Amino acid sequence: MLDAKTIRKTVAEELHARFGAKWFQPDSARLLVVSEDNLTDFNIELDCYTDRRYGEYDCSISAVFKWKKFAKFYKELAEWYNVKFQSSARSNGMIFVGVGFDGIHADFRPPSRETFWVANEQDLDAFITQCAADLDGKVGAWIKRWFSWPSALDVMDTHPNLCGAWRGTAYYCLMEQVHGREAACAWARGIDAAGWPEWLAAQVEYLQLNVCGTGTTHP
């Protein structure tokens, strides 16, 4: 009998077996992306999602990018926001961006393929085959674009919906990494956040006043 834990374990084992050191850290049970070509310090993991519905499992895989620099910056932002607005914003656990294989496959347009339902071993084999084909194709090529800072910034520019509610902060961190603080602050100062939702506008205020304002000492 298949269950969610068995599906995730099997997917990880099979992808490890098929791709080996070409993609993954060999001594980890998780799908941690490791490559000599990666010139960044993003921590990239492939996360297998399983949701049981109607007696079958809705299965998909997402690429989750974590970045220590962004996590530290975001934590400081949340602490400032909670004091200023008497709120309870929390750190997002270092997650810089997370995106599903289906979204990447569809070029971030409406999904071009059906939900993948897994009810038996044959379905699971087919799902693993699709995931492997994704890594060998468009999805793998997209992930590799995050292996250098300039191309990662280009990905952010190409897909304006990446990073969701923390996009402004994430974009600043990446722009600073690529072009330096002066260029990143010039970008931040040019944002007009009038009429934006409070959390989004607060990020802009934090960047403009606390990070890029005259006399600030933020590293």
N, C-alpha and C. Protein backbone atom coordinates (compact mmCIF):
# COMPACT_ATOMS: atom_id res chain seq x y z
N MET A 1 0.83 -1.20 0.00
CA MET A 1 0.00 0.00 0.00
C MET A 1 0.88 1.26 0.00
N LEU A 2 0.54 2.19 -0.87
CA LEU A 2 1.27 3.45 -0.92
C LEU A 2 0.73 4.42 0.12
N ASP A 3 1.63 5.15 0.73
CA ASP A 3 1.24 6.29 1.56
C ASP A 3 2.15 7.45 1.21
N ALA A 4 1.87 8.62 1.78
CA ALA A 4 2.62 9.81 1.41
C ALA A 4 4.11 9.65 1.69
N LYS A 5 4.45 9.09 2.85
CA LYS A 5 5.85 8.92 3.21
C LYS A 5 6.56 7.99 2.24
N THR A 6 5.92 6.91 1.86
CA THR A 6 6.52 5.96 0.92
C THR A 6 6.73 6.59 -0.44
N ILE A 7 5.76 7.38 -0.89
CA ILE A 7 5.89 8.06 -2.19
C ILE A 7 7.09 9.00 -2.18
N ARG A 8 7.17 9.84 -1.15
CA ARG A 8 8.28 10.81 -1.09
C ARG A 8 9.63 10.09 -1.01
N LYS A 9 9.70 9.03 -0.22
CA LYS A 9 10.95 8.28 -0.07
C LYS A 9 11.35 7.63 -1.39
N THR A 10 10.38 7.05 -2.08
CA THR A 10 10.67 6.38 -3.35
C THR A 10 11.11 7.38 -4.41
N VAL A 11 10.43 8.52 -4.47
CA VAL A 11 10.81 9.55 -5.44
C VAL A 11 12.25 9.99 -5.20
N ALA A 12 12.59 10.26 -3.94
CA ALA A 12 13.95 10.70 -3.63
C ALA A 12 14.98 9.63 -3.99
N GLU A 13 14.70 8.38 -3.63
CA GLU A 13 15.64 7.30 -3.91
C GLU A 13 15.84 7.10 -5.41
N GLU A 14 14.75 7.14 -6.17
CA GLU A 14 14.84 6.90 -7.60
C GLU A 14 15.56 8.05 -8.32
N LEU A 15 15.29 9.27 -7.92
CA LEU A 15 15.97 10.39 -8.56
C LEU A 15 17.45 10.41 -8.20
N HIS A 16 17.76 10.04 -6.96
CA HIS A 16 19.17 9.89 -6.58
C HIS A 16 19.84 8.84 -7.46
N ALA A 17 19.14 7.72 -7.66
CA ALA A 17 19.71 6.62 -8.44
C ALA A 17 19.91 7.01 -9.90
N ARG A 18 18.98 7.79 -10.45
CA ARG A 18 19.04 8.14 -11.87
C ARG A 18 20.04 9.25 -12.16
N PHE A 19 20.19 10.19 -11.22
CA PHE A 19 21.01 11.37 -11.49
C PHE A 19 22.30 11.43 -10.69
N GLY A 20 22.33 10.74 -9.56
CA GLY A 20 23.55 10.68 -8.76
C GLY A 20 24.13 12.04 -8.47
N ALA A 21 25.46 12.11 -8.50
CA ALA A 21 26.16 13.34 -8.16
C ALA A 21 25.95 14.45 -9.20
N LYS A 22 25.36 14.11 -10.35
CA LYS A 22 25.09 15.12 -11.37
C LYS A 22 24.18 16.21 -10.81
N TRP A 23 23.27 15.84 -9.90
CA TRP A 23 22.32 16.80 -9.37
C TRP A 23 22.32 16.89 -7.84
N PHE A 24 22.50 15.77 -7.15
CA PHE A 24 22.17 15.75 -5.72
C PHE A 24 23.34 15.41 -4.81
N GLN A 25 23.23 15.93 -3.59
CA GLN A 25 24.19 15.58 -2.56
C GLN A 25 24.04 14.10 -2.24
N PRO A 26 25.08 13.30 -2.44
CA PRO A 26 24.92 11.85 -2.37
C PRO A 26 24.67 11.29 -0.98
N ASP A 27 25.10 11.96 0.07
CA ASP A 27 24.95 11.40 1.41
C ASP A 27 23.72 11.92 2.14
N SER A 28 22.74 12.44 1.39
CA SER A 28 21.52 12.96 2.00
C SER A 28 20.31 12.20 1.47
N ALA A 29 19.38 11.89 2.36
CA ALA A 29 18.13 11.25 1.93
C ALA A 29 17.21 12.25 1.23
N ARG A 30 17.48 13.53 1.43
CA ARG A 30 16.68 14.57 0.78
C ARG A 30 17.27 14.89 -0.59
N LEU A 31 16.48 15.58 -1.39
CA LEU A 31 16.92 15.95 -2.74
C LEU A 31 17.59 17.32 -2.69
N LEU A 32 18.81 17.37 -2.16
CA LEU A 32 19.57 18.60 -2.06
C LEU A 32 20.40 18.77 -3.33
N VAL A 33 20.15 19.86 -4.05
CA VAL A 33 20.85 20.09 -5.31
C VAL A 33 22.27 20.56 -5.03
N VAL A 34 23.24 19.85 -5.57
CA VAL A 34 24.65 20.20 -5.41
C VAL A 34 25.31 20.09 -6.78
N SER A 35 26.05 21.13 -7.17
CA SER A 35 26.70 21.12 -8.46
C SER A 35 27.98 21.94 -8.42
N GLU A 36 29.02 21.46 -9.06
CA GLU A 36 30.26 22.23 -9.16
C GLU A 36 30.05 23.50 -9.98
N ASP A 37 29.00 23.53 -10.78
CA ASP A 37 28.73 24.71 -11.61
C ASP A 37 28.02 25.81 -10.83
N ASN A 38 27.55 25.51 -9.62
CA ASN A 38 26.80 26.49 -8.85
C ASN A 38 27.76 27.47 -8.18
N LEU A 39 27.74 28.72 -8.60
CA LEU A 39 28.64 29.75 -8.09
C LEU A 39 27.97 30.62 -7.03
N THR A 40 26.77 30.28 -6.61
CA THR A 40 26.04 31.04 -5.59
C THR A 40 26.07 30.27 -4.27
N ASP A 41 25.48 30.86 -3.23
CA ASP A 41 25.32 30.12 -1.98
C ASP A 41 23.84 29.89 -1.65
N PHE A 42 23.02 29.78 -2.70
CA PHE A 42 21.65 29.33 -2.49
C PHE A 42 21.68 27.88 -2.02
N ASN A 43 20.82 27.54 -1.08
CA ASN A 43 20.57 26.16 -0.71
C ASN A 43 19.32 25.73 -1.46
N ILE A 44 19.46 24.80 -2.39
CA ILE A 44 18.35 24.41 -3.27
C ILE A 44 17.93 22.97 -2.95
N GLU A 45 16.65 22.80 -2.67
CA GLU A 45 16.13 21.47 -2.38
C GLU A 45 14.86 21.22 -3.20
N LEU A 46 14.72 19.99 -3.70
CA LEU A 46 13.49 19.60 -4.38
C LEU A 46 12.58 18.95 -3.37
N ASP A 47 11.39 19.52 -3.22
CA ASP A 47 10.44 19.07 -2.20
C ASP A 47 9.27 18.37 -2.87
N CYS A 48 9.05 17.11 -2.51
CA CYS A 48 7.96 16.33 -3.08
C CYS A 48 6.70 16.52 -2.26
N TYR A 49 5.63 16.96 -2.92
CA TYR A 49 4.35 17.23 -2.28
C TYR A 49 3.40 16.07 -2.54
N THR A 50 2.72 15.61 -1.49
CA THR A 50 1.73 14.53 -1.65
C THR A 50 0.49 14.89 -0.84
N ASP A 51 -0.65 14.87 -1.49
CA ASP A 51 -1.90 15.19 -0.81
C ASP A 51 -2.93 14.13 -1.17
N ARG A 52 -3.42 13.40 -0.17
CA ARG A 52 -4.37 12.31 -0.43
C ARG A 52 -5.78 12.87 -0.59
N ARG A 53 -6.35 12.60 -1.74
CA ARG A 53 -7.73 13.01 -2.02
C ARG A 53 -8.42 11.95 -2.87
N TYR A 54 -9.63 11.64 -2.50
CA TYR A 54 -10.44 10.69 -3.28
C TYR A 54 -9.77 9.32 -3.41
N GLY A 55 -8.97 8.97 -2.40
CA GLY A 55 -8.33 7.66 -2.42
C GLY A 55 -7.04 7.60 -3.21
N GLU A 56 -6.62 8.73 -3.80
CA GLU A 56 -5.38 8.79 -4.55
C GLU A 56 -4.54 9.96 -4.02
N TYR A 57 -3.31 10.03 -4.52
CA TYR A 57 -2.40 11.09 -4.07
C TYR A 57 -2.11 12.07 -5.21
N ASP A 58 -2.36 13.35 -4.91
CA ASP A 58 -2.00 14.43 -5.80
C ASP A 58 -0.51 14.70 -5.56
N CYS A 59 0.32 14.44 -6.57
CA CYS A 59 1.78 14.52 -6.38
C CYS A 59 2.39 15.61 -7.26
N SER A 60 3.35 16.31 -6.70
CA SER A 60 4.09 17.31 -7.46
C SER A 60 5.42 17.56 -6.77
N ILE A 61 6.32 18.22 -7.47
CA ILE A 61 7.62 18.57 -6.90
C ILE A 61 7.85 20.06 -7.07
N SER A 62 8.43 20.67 -6.04
CA SER A 62 8.79 22.09 -6.10
C SER A 62 10.28 22.24 -5.86
N ALA A 63 10.84 23.28 -6.45
CA ALA A 63 12.22 23.68 -6.18
C ALA A 63 12.18 24.80 -5.16
N VAL A 64 12.82 24.60 -4.02
CA VAL A 64 12.80 25.57 -2.92
C VAL A 64 14.21 26.12 -2.73
N PHE A 65 14.34 27.44 -2.83
CA PHE A 65 15.63 28.10 -2.71
C PHE A 65 15.69 28.84 -1.38
N LYS A 66 16.73 28.57 -0.60
CA LYS A 66 16.96 29.28 0.66
C LYS A 66 18.30 30.00 0.56
N TRP A 67 18.39 31.14 1.26
CA TRP A 67 19.59 31.97 1.16
C TRP A 67 19.83 32.65 2.51
N LYS A 68 20.97 32.39 3.13
CA LYS A 68 21.25 32.90 4.47
C LYS A 68 21.27 34.42 4.50
N LYS A 69 21.84 35.04 3.48
CA LYS A 69 21.89 36.50 3.45
C LYS A 69 20.49 37.09 3.49
N PHE A 70 19.61 36.55 2.68
CA PHE A 70 18.23 37.03 2.63
C PHE A 70 17.53 36.75 3.96
N ALA A 71 17.75 35.57 4.54
CA ALA A 71 17.09 35.19 5.79
C ALA A 71 17.44 36.17 6.91
N LYS A 72 18.71 36.55 7.01
CA LYS A 72 19.14 37.50 8.04
C LYS A 72 18.49 38.86 7.81
N PHE A 73 18.50 39.31 6.57
CA PHE A 73 17.90 40.59 6.21
C PHE A 73 16.40 40.59 6.52
N TYR A 74 15.74 39.52 6.15
CA TYR A 74 14.29 39.42 6.33
C TYR A 74 13.92 39.38 7.81
N LYS A 75 14.75 38.71 8.61
CA LYS A 75 14.51 38.64 10.06
C LYS A 75 14.57 40.03 10.68
N GLU A 76 15.56 40.82 10.26
CA GLU A 76 15.68 42.19 10.77
C GLU A 76 14.49 43.04 10.33
N LEU A 77 14.06 42.85 9.10
CA LEU A 77 12.88 43.56 8.61
C LEU A 77 11.65 43.22 9.44
N ALA A 78 11.43 41.93 9.70
CA ALA A 78 10.25 41.50 10.47
C ALA A 78 10.27 42.07 11.88
N GLU A 79 11.46 42.10 12.49
CA GLU A 79 11.56 42.65 13.85
C GLU A 79 11.22 44.14 13.85
N TRP A 80 11.72 44.87 12.87
CA TRP A 80 11.40 46.30 12.75
C TRP A 80 9.90 46.50 12.53
N TYR A 81 9.33 45.70 11.64
CA TYR A 81 7.92 45.83 11.31
C TYR A 81 7.05 45.55 12.53
N ASN A 82 7.40 44.55 13.31
CA ASN A 82 6.58 44.18 14.47
C ASN A 82 6.57 45.27 15.53
N VAL A 83 7.68 45.99 15.67
CA VAL A 83 7.73 47.09 16.62
C VAL A 83 6.94 48.29 16.09
N LYS A 84 7.18 48.65 14.84
CA LYS A 84 6.57 49.84 14.27
C LYS A 84 5.05 49.70 14.12
N PHE A 85 4.60 48.51 13.70
CA PHE A 85 3.18 48.32 13.42
C PHE A 85 2.49 47.45 14.46
N GLN A 86 3.20 47.14 15.56
CA GLN A 86 2.65 46.31 16.63
C GLN A 86 2.00 45.05 16.04
N SER A 87 2.76 44.39 15.23
CA SER A 87 2.26 43.22 14.52
C SER A 87 3.04 41.97 14.93
N SER A 88 2.83 40.89 14.18
CA SER A 88 3.47 39.61 14.54
C SER A 88 4.02 38.91 13.29
N ALA A 89 4.64 39.66 12.40
CA ALA A 89 5.27 39.05 11.23
C ALA A 89 6.40 38.15 11.68
N ARG A 90 6.58 37.04 10.98
CA ARG A 90 7.62 36.09 11.35
C ARG A 90 8.57 35.84 10.18
N SER A 91 9.75 35.37 10.51
CA SER A 91 10.70 35.00 9.48
C SER A 91 10.12 33.86 8.67
N ASN A 92 10.46 33.80 7.39
CA ASN A 92 9.90 32.76 6.52
C ASN A 92 10.83 31.56 6.37
N GLY A 93 11.72 31.36 7.34
CA GLY A 93 12.57 30.18 7.33
C GLY A 93 13.60 30.16 6.21
N MET A 94 14.10 31.31 5.84
CA MET A 94 15.15 31.43 4.83
C MET A 94 14.65 31.21 3.41
N ILE A 95 13.37 30.96 3.20
CA ILE A 95 12.89 30.67 1.84
C ILE A 95 12.94 31.94 0.99
N PHE A 96 13.76 31.89 -0.03
CA PHE A 96 13.89 33.00 -0.96
C PHE A 96 12.83 32.89 -2.05
N VAL A 97 12.71 31.70 -2.62
CA VAL A 97 11.67 31.46 -3.63
C VAL A 97 11.36 29.97 -3.66
N GLY A 98 10.11 29.65 -3.91
CA GLY A 98 9.70 28.27 -4.10
C GLY A 98 8.75 28.20 -5.29
N VAL A 99 9.00 27.27 -6.20
CA VAL A 99 8.18 27.19 -7.40
C VAL A 99 8.05 25.74 -7.85
N GLY A 100 6.86 25.36 -8.26
CA GLY A 100 6.61 23.99 -8.67
C GLY A 100 7.14 23.67 -10.06
N PHE A 101 7.48 22.41 -10.26
CA PHE A 101 7.92 21.96 -11.59
C PHE A 101 6.86 22.26 -12.63
N ASP A 102 5.57 22.10 -12.27
CA ASP A 102 4.50 22.34 -13.24
C ASP A 102 4.51 23.80 -13.71
N GLY A 103 4.75 24.72 -12.78
CA GLY A 103 4.80 26.13 -13.14
C GLY A 103 5.97 26.44 -14.04
N ILE A 104 7.13 25.87 -13.73
CA ILE A 104 8.31 26.08 -14.56
C ILE A 104 8.07 25.50 -15.95
N HIS A 105 7.49 24.30 -15.99
CA HIS A 105 7.22 23.62 -17.26
C HIS A 105 6.30 24.45 -18.14
N ALA A 106 5.38 25.18 -17.51
CA ALA A 106 4.41 25.99 -18.26
C ALA A 106 4.87 27.42 -18.46
N ASP A 107 6.16 27.70 -18.20
CA ASP A 107 6.69 29.06 -18.33
C ASP A 107 5.91 30.05 -17.48
N PHE A 108 5.43 29.59 -16.32
CA PHE A 108 4.72 30.41 -15.35
C PHE A 108 3.39 30.94 -15.87
N ARG A 109 2.90 30.31 -16.91
CA ARG A 109 1.54 30.56 -17.37
C ARG A 109 0.63 29.51 -16.75
N PRO A 110 -0.69 29.53 -17.01
CA PRO A 110 -1.56 28.49 -16.45
C PRO A 110 -1.01 27.10 -16.77
N PRO A 111 -1.10 26.18 -15.80
CA PRO A 111 -0.52 24.83 -15.98
C PRO A 111 -0.94 24.18 -17.29
N SER A 112 0.04 23.56 -17.95
CA SER A 112 -0.22 22.94 -19.25
C SER A 112 -0.43 21.43 -19.14
N ARG A 113 -0.36 20.91 -17.93
CA ARG A 113 -0.59 19.47 -17.77
C ARG A 113 -1.48 19.22 -16.56
N GLU A 114 -2.15 18.09 -16.59
CA GLU A 114 -3.13 17.75 -15.56
C GLU A 114 -2.45 17.43 -14.23
N THR A 115 -3.25 17.51 -13.15
CA THR A 115 -2.77 17.06 -11.85
C THR A 115 -2.32 15.61 -11.95
N PHE A 116 -1.19 15.29 -11.34
CA PHE A 116 -0.67 13.92 -11.42
C PHE A 116 -1.19 13.14 -10.22
N TRP A 117 -2.07 12.18 -10.51
CA TRP A 117 -2.65 11.35 -9.47
C TRP A 117 -1.88 10.03 -9.37
N VAL A 118 -1.51 9.65 -8.18
CA VAL A 118 -0.79 8.39 -7.95
C VAL A 118 -1.66 7.49 -7.07
N ALA A 119 -2.05 6.34 -7.64
CA ALA A 119 -2.88 5.38 -6.91
C ALA A 119 -2.19 4.04 -6.74
N ASN A 120 -1.12 3.79 -7.54
CA ASN A 120 -0.47 2.50 -7.48
C ASN A 120 0.99 2.64 -7.91
N GLU A 121 1.70 1.54 -7.91
CA GLU A 121 3.12 1.56 -8.24
C GLU A 121 3.38 2.04 -9.67
N GLN A 122 2.49 1.67 -10.59
CA GLN A 122 2.66 2.08 -11.98
C GLN A 122 2.54 3.60 -12.12
N ASP A 123 1.57 4.18 -11.40
CA ASP A 123 1.42 5.64 -11.41
C ASP A 123 2.67 6.31 -10.84
N LEU A 124 3.19 5.73 -9.77
CA LEU A 124 4.38 6.31 -9.13
C LEU A 124 5.58 6.26 -10.07
N ASP A 125 5.73 5.15 -10.78
CA ASP A 125 6.81 5.05 -11.76
C ASP A 125 6.68 6.12 -12.83
N ALA A 126 5.44 6.35 -13.27
CA ALA A 126 5.20 7.35 -14.30
C ALA A 126 5.50 8.76 -13.77
N PHE A 127 5.16 9.01 -12.51
CA PHE A 127 5.43 10.31 -11.92
C PHE A 127 6.94 10.55 -11.82
N ILE A 128 7.67 9.53 -11.40
CA ILE A 128 9.12 9.65 -11.29
C ILE A 128 9.74 9.89 -12.67
N THR A 129 9.22 9.20 -13.68
CA THR A 129 9.71 9.38 -15.04
C THR A 129 9.49 10.82 -15.51
N GLN A 130 8.32 11.39 -15.17
CA GLN A 130 8.04 12.78 -15.54
C GLN A 130 9.02 13.73 -14.83
N CYS A 131 9.25 13.48 -13.54
CA CYS A 131 10.18 14.33 -12.78
C CYS A 131 11.59 14.26 -13.37
N ALA A 132 12.01 13.06 -13.76
CA ALA A 132 13.33 12.88 -14.36
C ALA A 132 13.42 13.62 -15.68
N ALA A 133 12.36 13.53 -16.49
CA ALA A 133 12.33 14.24 -17.77
C ALA A 133 12.38 15.76 -17.54
N ASP A 134 11.71 16.23 -16.50
CA ASP A 134 11.75 17.66 -16.17
C ASP A 134 13.18 18.10 -15.85
N LEU A 135 13.88 17.31 -15.06
CA LEU A 135 15.25 17.68 -14.69
C LEU A 135 16.18 17.64 -15.89
N ASP A 136 15.90 16.75 -16.83
CA ASP A 136 16.71 16.67 -18.04
C ASP A 136 16.34 17.74 -19.06
N GLY A 137 15.20 18.41 -18.82
CA GLY A 137 14.70 19.38 -19.79
C GLY A 137 14.56 20.78 -19.25
N LYS A 138 13.40 21.39 -19.47
CA LYS A 138 13.17 22.80 -19.17
C LYS A 138 13.34 23.12 -17.69
N VAL A 139 12.86 22.25 -16.83
CA VAL A 139 12.93 22.53 -15.39
C VAL A 139 14.38 22.55 -14.93
N GLY A 140 15.15 21.55 -15.34
CA GLY A 140 16.56 21.51 -14.97
C GLY A 140 17.32 22.72 -15.48
N ALA A 141 17.03 23.12 -16.70
CA ALA A 141 17.70 24.30 -17.28
C ALA A 141 17.35 25.56 -16.49
N TRP A 142 16.10 25.66 -16.02
CA TRP A 142 15.67 26.82 -15.24
C TRP A 142 16.37 26.86 -13.89
N ILE A 143 16.46 25.72 -13.24
CA ILE A 143 17.15 25.66 -11.95
C ILE A 143 18.60 26.08 -12.10
N LYS A 144 19.24 25.65 -13.19
CA LYS A 144 20.65 25.97 -13.40
C LYS A 144 20.87 27.47 -13.64
N ARG A 145 19.84 28.18 -14.02
CA ARG A 145 19.97 29.63 -14.19
C ARG A 145 20.22 30.33 -12.85
N TRP A 146 19.96 29.62 -11.74
CA TRP A 146 20.22 30.16 -10.42
C TRP A 146 21.64 29.84 -9.95
N PHE A 147 22.44 29.26 -10.81
CA PHE A 147 23.79 28.87 -10.43
C PHE A 147 24.80 30.01 -10.56
N SER A 148 24.38 31.17 -11.05
CA SER A 148 25.24 32.35 -11.03
C SER A 148 24.40 33.54 -10.62
N TRP A 149 25.01 34.51 -9.96
CA TRP A 149 24.25 35.67 -9.48
C TRP A 149 23.62 36.49 -10.61
N PRO A 150 24.36 36.81 -11.67
CA PRO A 150 23.74 37.60 -12.75
C PRO A 150 22.55 36.90 -13.40
N SER A 151 22.66 35.60 -13.66
CA SER A 151 21.55 34.91 -14.31
C SER A 151 20.37 34.76 -13.34
N ALA A 152 20.65 34.65 -12.04
CA ALA A 152 19.56 34.59 -11.05
C ALA A 152 18.77 35.90 -11.06
N LEU A 153 19.49 37.02 -11.13
CA LEU A 153 18.81 38.32 -11.19
C LEU A 153 18.01 38.44 -12.48
N ASP A 154 18.54 37.91 -13.56
CA ASP A 154 17.82 37.91 -14.83
C ASP A 154 16.52 37.11 -14.73
N VAL A 155 16.56 36.00 -14.00
CA VAL A 155 15.34 35.21 -13.78
C VAL A 155 14.32 36.03 -13.01
N MET A 156 14.77 36.75 -11.99
CA MET A 156 13.87 37.60 -11.21
C MET A 156 13.24 38.67 -12.09
N ASP A 157 14.04 39.25 -12.98
CA ASP A 157 13.52 40.29 -13.88
C ASP A 157 12.50 39.71 -14.87
N THR A 158 12.75 38.48 -15.30
CA THR A 158 11.88 37.85 -16.29
C THR A 158 10.55 37.43 -15.71
N HIS A 159 10.56 37.07 -14.41
CA HIS A 159 9.34 36.55 -13.77
C HIS A 159 8.98 37.43 -12.57
N PRO A 160 8.22 38.50 -12.78
CA PRO A 160 7.94 39.47 -11.71
C PRO A 160 7.10 38.94 -10.56
N ASN A 161 6.51 37.75 -10.70
CA ASN A 161 5.69 37.22 -9.61
C ASN A 161 6.48 36.34 -8.65
N LEU A 162 7.74 36.08 -8.94
CA LEU A 162 8.54 35.24 -8.05
C LEU A 162 8.70 35.90 -6.68
N CYS A 163 8.73 35.10 -5.65
CA CYS A 163 8.98 35.49 -4.26
C CYS A 163 7.73 36.03 -3.55
N GLY A 164 6.66 36.27 -4.25
CA GLY A 164 5.41 36.62 -3.59
C GLY A 164 5.50 37.88 -2.75
N ALA A 165 4.99 37.80 -1.51
CA ALA A 165 4.84 38.98 -0.65
C ALA A 165 6.16 39.57 -0.20
N TRP A 166 7.26 38.84 -0.31
CA TRP A 166 8.55 39.39 0.10
C TRP A 166 9.44 39.73 -1.10
N ARG A 167 8.82 39.93 -2.28
CA ARG A 167 9.61 40.15 -3.49
C ARG A 167 10.52 41.38 -3.39
N GLY A 168 9.99 42.50 -2.88
CA GLY A 168 10.79 43.71 -2.83
C GLY A 168 12.09 43.50 -2.04
N THR A 169 11.97 42.88 -0.88
CA THR A 169 13.14 42.62 -0.06
C THR A 169 14.08 41.63 -0.74
N ALA A 170 13.52 40.59 -1.33
CA ALA A 170 14.33 39.58 -2.02
C ALA A 170 15.07 40.21 -3.20
N TYR A 171 14.36 41.04 -3.96
CA TYR A 171 14.99 41.66 -5.13
C TYR A 171 16.13 42.58 -4.70
N TYR A 172 15.91 43.33 -3.62
CA TYR A 172 16.98 44.21 -3.13
C TYR A 172 18.22 43.39 -2.79
N CYS A 173 18.05 42.30 -2.04
CA CYS A 173 19.19 41.49 -1.63
C CYS A 173 19.94 40.94 -2.85
N LEU A 174 19.21 40.49 -3.86
CA LEU A 174 19.85 39.93 -5.03
C LEU A 174 20.53 41.01 -5.88
N MET A 175 19.87 42.16 -6.00
CA MET A 175 20.49 43.25 -6.76
C MET A 175 21.76 43.73 -6.07
N GLU A 176 21.73 43.82 -4.74
CA GLU A 176 22.93 44.23 -4.01
C GLU A 176 24.06 43.22 -4.23
N GLN A 177 23.71 41.94 -4.27
CA GLN A 177 24.71 40.90 -4.49
C GLN A 177 25.37 41.05 -5.86
N VAL A 178 24.57 41.41 -6.86
CA VAL A 178 25.07 41.48 -8.24
C VAL A 178 25.72 42.82 -8.55
N HIS A 179 25.05 43.92 -8.18
CA HIS A 179 25.49 45.25 -8.63
C HIS A 179 26.01 46.15 -7.51
N GLY A 180 25.92 45.69 -6.27
CA GLY A 180 26.40 46.50 -5.17
C GLY A 180 25.30 47.32 -4.52
N ARG A 181 25.61 47.84 -3.32
CA ARG A 181 24.60 48.52 -2.52
C ARG A 181 24.11 49.81 -3.18
N GLU A 182 25.00 50.56 -3.79
CA GLU A 182 24.59 51.84 -4.39
C GLU A 182 23.52 51.63 -5.44
N ALA A 183 23.72 50.66 -6.32
CA ALA A 183 22.74 50.39 -7.37
C ALA A 183 21.44 49.86 -6.77
N ALA A 184 21.55 48.99 -5.76
CA ALA A 184 20.35 48.43 -5.14
C ALA A 184 19.55 49.51 -4.43
N CYS A 185 20.24 50.44 -3.78
CA CYS A 185 19.53 51.51 -3.10
C CYS A 185 18.90 52.49 -4.09
N ALA A 186 19.57 52.72 -5.21
CA ALA A 186 18.99 53.58 -6.23
C ALA A 186 17.68 52.97 -6.73
N TRP A 187 17.67 51.66 -6.89
CA TRP A 187 16.44 50.98 -7.29
C TRP A 187 15.37 51.13 -6.21
N ALA A 188 15.74 50.93 -4.94
CA ALA A 188 14.77 50.99 -3.84
C ALA A 188 14.19 52.39 -3.69
N ARG A 189 15.03 53.40 -3.84
CA ARG A 189 14.55 54.78 -3.68
C ARG A 189 13.57 55.17 -4.78
N GLY A 190 13.63 54.49 -5.90
CA GLY A 190 12.74 54.81 -7.02
C GLY A 190 11.36 54.19 -6.93
N ILE A 191 11.10 53.41 -5.88
CA ILE A 191 9.80 52.74 -5.74
C ILE A 191 8.79 53.68 -5.10
N ASP A 192 7.64 53.82 -5.70
CA ASP A 192 6.52 54.57 -5.12
C ASP A 192 5.51 53.55 -4.61
N ALA A 193 5.46 53.40 -3.28
CA ALA A 193 4.60 52.38 -2.68
C ALA A 193 3.27 52.94 -2.20
N ALA A 194 2.92 54.14 -2.64
CA ALA A 194 1.65 54.74 -2.23
C ALA A 194 0.48 53.83 -2.64
N GLY A 195 -0.39 53.53 -1.70
CA GLY A 195 -1.54 52.70 -1.99
C GLY A 195 -1.29 51.21 -1.92
N TRP A 196 -0.07 50.81 -1.64
CA TRP A 196 0.24 49.39 -1.52
C TRP A 196 -0.29 48.84 -0.20
N PRO A 197 -0.55 47.53 -0.12
CA PRO A 197 -0.91 46.92 1.16
C PRO A 197 0.19 47.18 2.20
N GLU A 198 -0.21 47.20 3.48
CA GLU A 198 0.70 47.63 4.54
C GLU A 198 2.04 46.88 4.55
N TRP A 199 1.99 45.55 4.45
CA TRP A 199 3.23 44.77 4.54
C TRP A 199 4.17 45.07 3.37
N LEU A 200 3.60 45.21 2.17
CA LEU A 200 4.43 45.50 1.00
C LEU A 200 5.01 46.91 1.09
N ALA A 201 4.18 47.86 1.50
CA ALA A 201 4.65 49.24 1.62
C ALA A 201 5.69 49.36 2.73
N ALA A 202 5.52 48.58 3.79
CA ALA A 202 6.46 48.63 4.91
C ALA A 202 7.85 48.16 4.48
N GLN A 203 7.90 47.16 3.61
CA GLN A 203 9.19 46.70 3.12
C GLN A 203 9.92 47.82 2.36
N VAL A 204 9.17 48.56 1.56
CA VAL A 204 9.75 49.67 0.80
C VAL A 204 10.24 50.75 1.77
N GLU A 205 9.42 51.05 2.78
CA GLU A 205 9.81 52.05 3.78
C GLU A 205 11.10 51.63 4.48
N TYR A 206 11.18 50.36 4.84
CA TYR A 206 12.38 49.85 5.53
C TYR A 206 13.61 49.98 4.65
N LEU A 207 13.46 49.66 3.38
CA LEU A 207 14.58 49.77 2.46
C LEU A 207 15.00 51.23 2.27
N GLN A 208 14.02 52.09 2.06
CA GLN A 208 14.33 53.48 1.74
C GLN A 208 14.89 54.25 2.93
N LEU A 209 14.35 54.00 4.13
CA LEU A 209 14.75 54.78 5.29
C LEU A 209 15.82 54.09 6.14
N ASN A 210 15.62 52.82 6.46
CA ASN A 210 16.52 52.15 7.39
C ASN A 210 17.77 51.59 6.72
N VAL A 211 17.64 51.17 5.47
CA VAL A 211 18.78 50.55 4.78
C VAL A 211 19.51 51.56 3.91
N CYS A 212 18.76 52.33 3.17
CA CYS A 212 19.37 53.23 2.17
C CYS A 212 19.30 54.70 2.55
N GLY A 213 18.72 55.02 3.70
CA GLY A 213 18.61 56.42 4.10
C GLY A 213 19.95 56.99 4.53
N THR A 214 20.03 58.29 4.55
CA THR A 214 21.26 58.99 4.95
C THR A 214 21.62 58.65 6.38
N GLY A 215 22.87 58.25 6.58
CA GLY A 215 23.35 57.98 7.92
C GLY A 215 23.10 56.57 8.41
N THR A 216 22.51 55.70 7.59
CA THR A 216 22.27 54.34 8.04
C THR A 216 23.58 53.58 8.07
N THR A 217 23.60 52.56 8.91
CA THR A 217 24.83 51.76 9.08
C THR A 217 24.59 50.31 8.76
N HIS A 218 23.47 49.99 8.11
CA HIS A 218 23.18 48.59 7.80
C HIS A 218 24.25 48.04 6.88
N PRO A 219 24.77 46.82 7.20
CA PRO A 219 25.85 46.26 6.37
C PRO A 219 25.39 45.94 4.97
